[in-house]
């Protein structure tokens, strides 16, 4: 009499695969919760005053978490305004002092001279000149 071998995934491997799927889903849920739990000022930082470096370059001040990665993500220019959008990737792990915000200066290069145009954040609020 010959032994029969089953074709497909063995019963011993199924629990391992199930554990891997559960851990993967749990990791995604945890990442989503961390991003949702962040303060909105950390995800989309508030801009402080800007400084005119030269007619085609300004520096905007933003308040962000000390360990975050922050950059200018978009610049939209019209004849009357310059809108600046800043994005930040916050710290996913709570570390000491991550609840305190740090000031960062971000350089914005313009396509045309600033002249008399108004500088605004992405929501349309005017950013004061320093």
C-alpha atoms as a PDB file:
ATOM      1  CA  UNK A   1       0.000   0.000   0.000  1.00  0.00           C
ATOM      2  CA  UNK A   2       1.389   3.360  -0.988  1.00  0.00           C
ATOM      3  CA  UNK A   3       1.140   6.469   1.204  1.00  0.00           C
ATOM      4  CA  UNK A   4      -0.860   9.339  -0.133  1.00  0.00           C
ATOM      5  CA  UNK A   5       0.608  12.827  -0.025  1.00  0.00           C
ATOM      6  CA  UNK A   6      -1.705  15.782  -0.149  1.00  0.00           C
ATOM      7  CA  UNK A   7      -1.235  18.349  -2.826  1.00  0.00           C
ATOM      8  CA  UNK A   8      -1.144  22.028  -1.789  1.00  0.00           C
ATOM      9  CA  UNK A   9      -0.263  23.771   1.448  1.00  0.00           C
ATOM     10  CA  UNK A  10       0.442  21.483   4.363  1.00  0.00           C
ATOM     11  CA  UNK A  11      -1.593  21.895   7.530  1.00  0.00           C
ATOM     12  CA  UNK A  12       1.555  22.811   9.433  1.00  0.00           C
ATOM     13  CA  UNK A  13       2.208  25.880   7.273  1.00  0.00           C
ATOM     14  CA  UNK A  14      -1.287  27.333   7.491  1.00  0.00           C
ATOM     15  CA  UNK A  15      -0.963  28.646  11.072  1.00  0.00           C
ATOM     16  CA  UNK A  16       2.291  30.402  10.135  1.00  0.00           C
ATOM     17  CA  UNK A  17       0.656  32.049   7.136  1.00  0.00           C
ATOM     18  CA  UNK A  18      -2.308  33.114   9.267  1.00  0.00           C
ATOM     19  CA  UNK A  19       0.010  34.657  11.874  1.00  0.00           C
ATOM     20  CA  UNK A  20       1.904  36.527   9.141  1.00  0.00           C
ATOM     21  CA  UNK A  21      -1.336  37.934   7.715  1.00  0.00           C
ATOM     22  CA  UNK A  22      -2.578  39.015  11.169  1.00  0.00           C
ATOM     23  CA  UNK A  23       0.748  40.710  11.975  1.00  0.00           C
ATOM     24  CA  UNK A  24       0.740  42.493   8.614  1.00  0.00           C
ATOM     25  CA  UNK A  25      -2.788  43.821   9.091  1.00  0.00           C
ATOM     26  CA  UNK A  26      -2.017  44.851  12.682  1.00  0.00           C
ATOM     27  CA  UNK A  27       1.047  46.774  11.493  1.00  0.00           C
ATOM     28  CA  UNK A  28      -1.004  48.677   8.914  1.00  0.00           C
ATOM     29  CA  UNK A  29      -3.698  49.505  11.478  1.00  0.00           C
ATOM     30  CA  UNK A  30      -1.057  50.733  13.930  1.00  0.00           C
ATOM     31  CA  UNK A  31       0.550  52.943  11.283  1.00  0.00           C
ATOM     32  CA  UNK A  32      -2.848  54.418  10.371  1.00  0.00           C
ATOM     33  CA  UNK A  33      -3.641  55.114  14.039  1.00  0.00           C
ATOM     34  CA  UNK A  34      -0.301  56.858  14.561  1.00  0.00           C
ATOM     35  CA  UNK A  35      -0.880  59.124  11.564  1.00  0.00           C
ATOM     36  CA  UNK A  36      -4.482  59.897  12.542  1.00  0.00           C
ATOM     37  CA  UNK A  37      -3.505  60.598  16.155  1.00  0.00           C
ATOM     38  CA  UNK A  38      -0.975  63.247  15.134  1.00  0.00           C
ATOM     39  CA  UNK A  39      -1.941  66.849  15.770  1.00  0.00           C
ATOM     40  CA  UNK A  40      -3.062  68.569  12.560  1.00  0.00           C
ATOM     41  CA  UNK A  41      -0.474  71.325  13.091  1.00  0.00           C
ATOM     42  CA  UNK A  42       2.200  68.651  12.915  1.00  0.00           C
ATOM     43  CA  UNK A  43       0.870  67.071   9.689  1.00  0.00           C
ATOM     44  CA  UNK A  44       0.239  70.448   8.031  1.00  0.00           C
ATOM     45  CA  UNK A  45       2.426  72.889   9.959  1.00  0.00           C
ATOM     46  CA  UNK A  46       1.439  76.496  10.533  1.00  0.00           C
ATOM     47  CA  UNK A  47       3.697  78.983   8.819  1.00  0.00           C
ATOM     48  CA  UNK A  48       5.158  81.864  10.690  1.00  0.00           C
ATOM     49  CA  UNK A  49       6.606  85.002   9.130  1.00  0.00           C
ATOM     50  CA  UNK A  50       8.674  84.872   5.967  1.00  0.00           C
ATOM     51  CA  UNK A  51      11.957  86.615   5.244  1.00  0.00           C
ATOM     52  CA  UNK A  52      12.872  88.036   1.843  1.00  0.00           C
ATOM     53  CA  UNK A  53      16.309  86.703   0.888  1.00  0.00           C
ATOM     54  CA  UNK A  54      16.261  88.210  -2.609  1.00  0.00           C
ATOM     55  CA  UNK A  55      13.471  89.030  -5.082  1.00  0.00           C
ATOM     56  CA  UNK A  56      13.165  85.370  -6.179  1.00  0.00           C
ATOM     57  CA  UNK A  57      13.859  83.624  -2.868  1.00  0.00           C
ATOM     58  CA  UNK A  58      12.011  83.731   0.439  1.00  0.00           C
ATOM     59  CA  UNK A  59      12.467  81.792   3.652  1.00  0.00           C
ATOM     60  CA  UNK A  60       9.364  80.712   5.575  1.00  0.00           C
ATOM     61  CA  UNK A  61       9.374  79.699   9.226  1.00  0.00           C
ATOM     62  CA  UNK A  62       7.323  76.670  10.280  1.00  0.00           C
ATOM     63  CA  UNK A  63       6.770  75.006  13.644  1.00  0.00           C
ATOM     64  CA  UNK A  64       7.206  71.219  13.436  1.00  0.00           C
ATOM     65  CA  UNK A  65       8.047  68.232  15.622  1.00  0.00           C
ATOM     66  CA  UNK A  66      11.818  68.176  16.253  1.00  0.00           C
ATOM     67  CA  UNK A  67      12.386  64.776  14.626  1.00  0.00           C
ATOM     68  CA  UNK A  68      10.079  65.288  11.631  1.00  0.00           C
ATOM     69  CA  UNK A  69      11.044  65.502   7.986  1.00  0.00           C
ATOM     70  CA  UNK A  70       9.658  68.780   6.593  1.00  0.00           C
ATOM     71  CA  UNK A  71       9.823  70.365   3.140  1.00  0.00           C
ATOM     72  CA  UNK A  72       8.047  72.720   0.746  1.00  0.00           C
ATOM     73  CA  UNK A  73       5.734  70.493  -1.302  1.00  0.00           C
ATOM     74  CA  UNK A  74       4.108  73.024  -3.662  1.00  0.00           C
ATOM     75  CA  UNK A  75       4.390  76.646  -4.725  1.00  0.00           C
ATOM     76  CA  UNK A  76       1.638  78.310  -6.776  1.00  0.00           C
ATOM     77  CA  UNK A  77       2.283  81.776  -8.192  1.00  0.00           C
ATOM     78  CA  UNK A  78      -0.161  84.254  -9.694  1.00  0.00           C
ATOM     79  CA  UNK A  79       0.217  87.935 -10.483  1.00  0.00           C
ATOM     80  CA  UNK A  80      -1.125  88.877  -7.032  1.00  0.00           C
ATOM     81  CA  UNK A  81      -0.032  86.102  -4.682  1.00  0.00           C
ATOM     82  CA  UNK A  82       2.378  83.310  -3.904  1.00  0.00           C
ATOM     83  CA  UNK A  83       0.913  80.261  -2.150  1.00  0.00           C
ATOM     84  CA  UNK A  84       3.282  77.950  -0.325  1.00  0.00           C
ATOM     85  CA  UNK A  85       2.383  74.445   0.805  1.00  0.00           C
ATOM     86  CA  UNK A  86       4.543  72.735   3.416  1.00  0.00           C
ATOM     87  CA  UNK A  87       4.327  69.051   4.247  1.00  0.00           C
ATOM     88  CA  UNK A  88       5.869  67.151   7.101  1.00  0.00           C
ATOM     89  CA  UNK A  89       6.335  63.511   7.947  1.00  0.00           C
ATOM     90  CA  UNK A  90       6.013  63.339  11.731  1.00  0.00           C
ATOM     91  CA  UNK A  91       7.822  61.027  14.105  1.00  0.00           C
ATOM     92  CA  UNK A  92       5.965  57.727  14.156  1.00  0.00           C
ATOM     93  CA  UNK A  93       7.446  56.788  17.516  1.00  0.00           C
ATOM     94  CA  UNK A  94       6.724  58.977  20.556  1.00  0.00           C
ATOM     95  CA  UNK A  95      10.093  60.106  21.855  1.00  0.00           C
ATOM     96  CA  UNK A  96      10.937  62.507  24.664  1.00  0.00           C
ATOM     97  CA  UNK A  97      10.065  66.085  23.715  1.00  0.00           C
ATOM     98  CA  UNK A  98       8.140  65.160  20.531  1.00  0.00           C
ATOM     99  CA  UNK A  99       5.207  67.147  21.901  1.00  0.00           C
ATOM    100  CA  UNK A 100       7.308  70.332  21.696  1.00  0.00           C
ATOM    101  CA  UNK A 101       7.509  72.068  18.328  1.00  0.00           C
ATOM    102  CA  UNK A 102      10.738  73.357  16.803  1.00  0.00           C
ATOM    103  CA  UNK A 103      11.080  76.294  14.397  1.00  0.00           C
ATOM    104  CA  UNK A 104      12.499  75.469  10.957  1.00  0.00           C
ATOM    105  CA  UNK A 105      13.372  77.809   8.110  1.00  0.00           C
ATOM    106  CA  UNK A 106      12.466  76.524   4.624  1.00  0.00           C
ATOM    107  CA  UNK A 107      13.739  78.177   1.456  1.00  0.00           C
ATOM    108  CA  UNK A 108      11.239  78.822  -1.340  1.00  0.00           C
ATOM    109  CA  UNK A 109      12.472  79.623  -4.849  1.00  0.00           C
ATOM    110  CA  UNK A 110      10.089  81.709  -6.960  1.00  0.00           C
ATOM    111  CA  UNK A 111       9.672  81.693 -10.737  1.00  0.00           C
ATOM    112  CA  UNK A 112       9.288  85.487 -10.839  1.00  0.00           C
ATOM    113  CA  UNK A 113      10.223  88.407  -8.590  1.00  0.00           C
ATOM    114  CA  UNK A 114       8.089  88.659  -5.443  1.00  0.00           C
ATOM    115  CA  UNK A 115       7.499  92.373  -5.942  1.00  0.00           C
ATOM    116  CA  UNK A 116       4.234  93.445  -4.272  1.00  0.00           C
ATOM    117  CA  UNK A 117       2.677  89.967  -4.272  1.00  0.00           C
ATOM    118  CA  UNK A 118       1.205  88.600  -1.059  1.00  0.00           C
ATOM    119  CA  UNK A 119       2.652  85.396   0.431  1.00  0.00           C
ATOM    120  CA  UNK A 120      -0.010  82.959   1.650  1.00  0.00           C
ATOM    121  CA  UNK A 121      -0.131  79.483   3.112  1.00  0.00           C
ATOM    122  CA  UNK A 122      -1.938  76.786   1.117  1.00  0.00           C
ATOM    123  CA  UNK A 123      -5.287  77.537   2.799  1.00  0.00           C
ATOM    124  CA  UNK A 124      -5.094  81.159   1.648  1.00  0.00           C
ATOM    125  CA  UNK A 125      -4.150  82.800   4.957  1.00  0.00           C
ATOM    126  CA  UNK A 126      -1.649  85.644   4.560  1.00  0.00           C
ATOM    127  CA  UNK A 127       1.843  85.010   5.905  1.00  0.00           C
ATOM    128  CA  UNK A 128       3.376  88.148   7.415  1.00  0.00           C
ATOM    129  CA  UNK A 129       6.774  89.472   6.364  1.00  0.00           C
ATOM    130  CA  UNK A 130       9.397  89.576   9.080  1.00  0.00           C
END
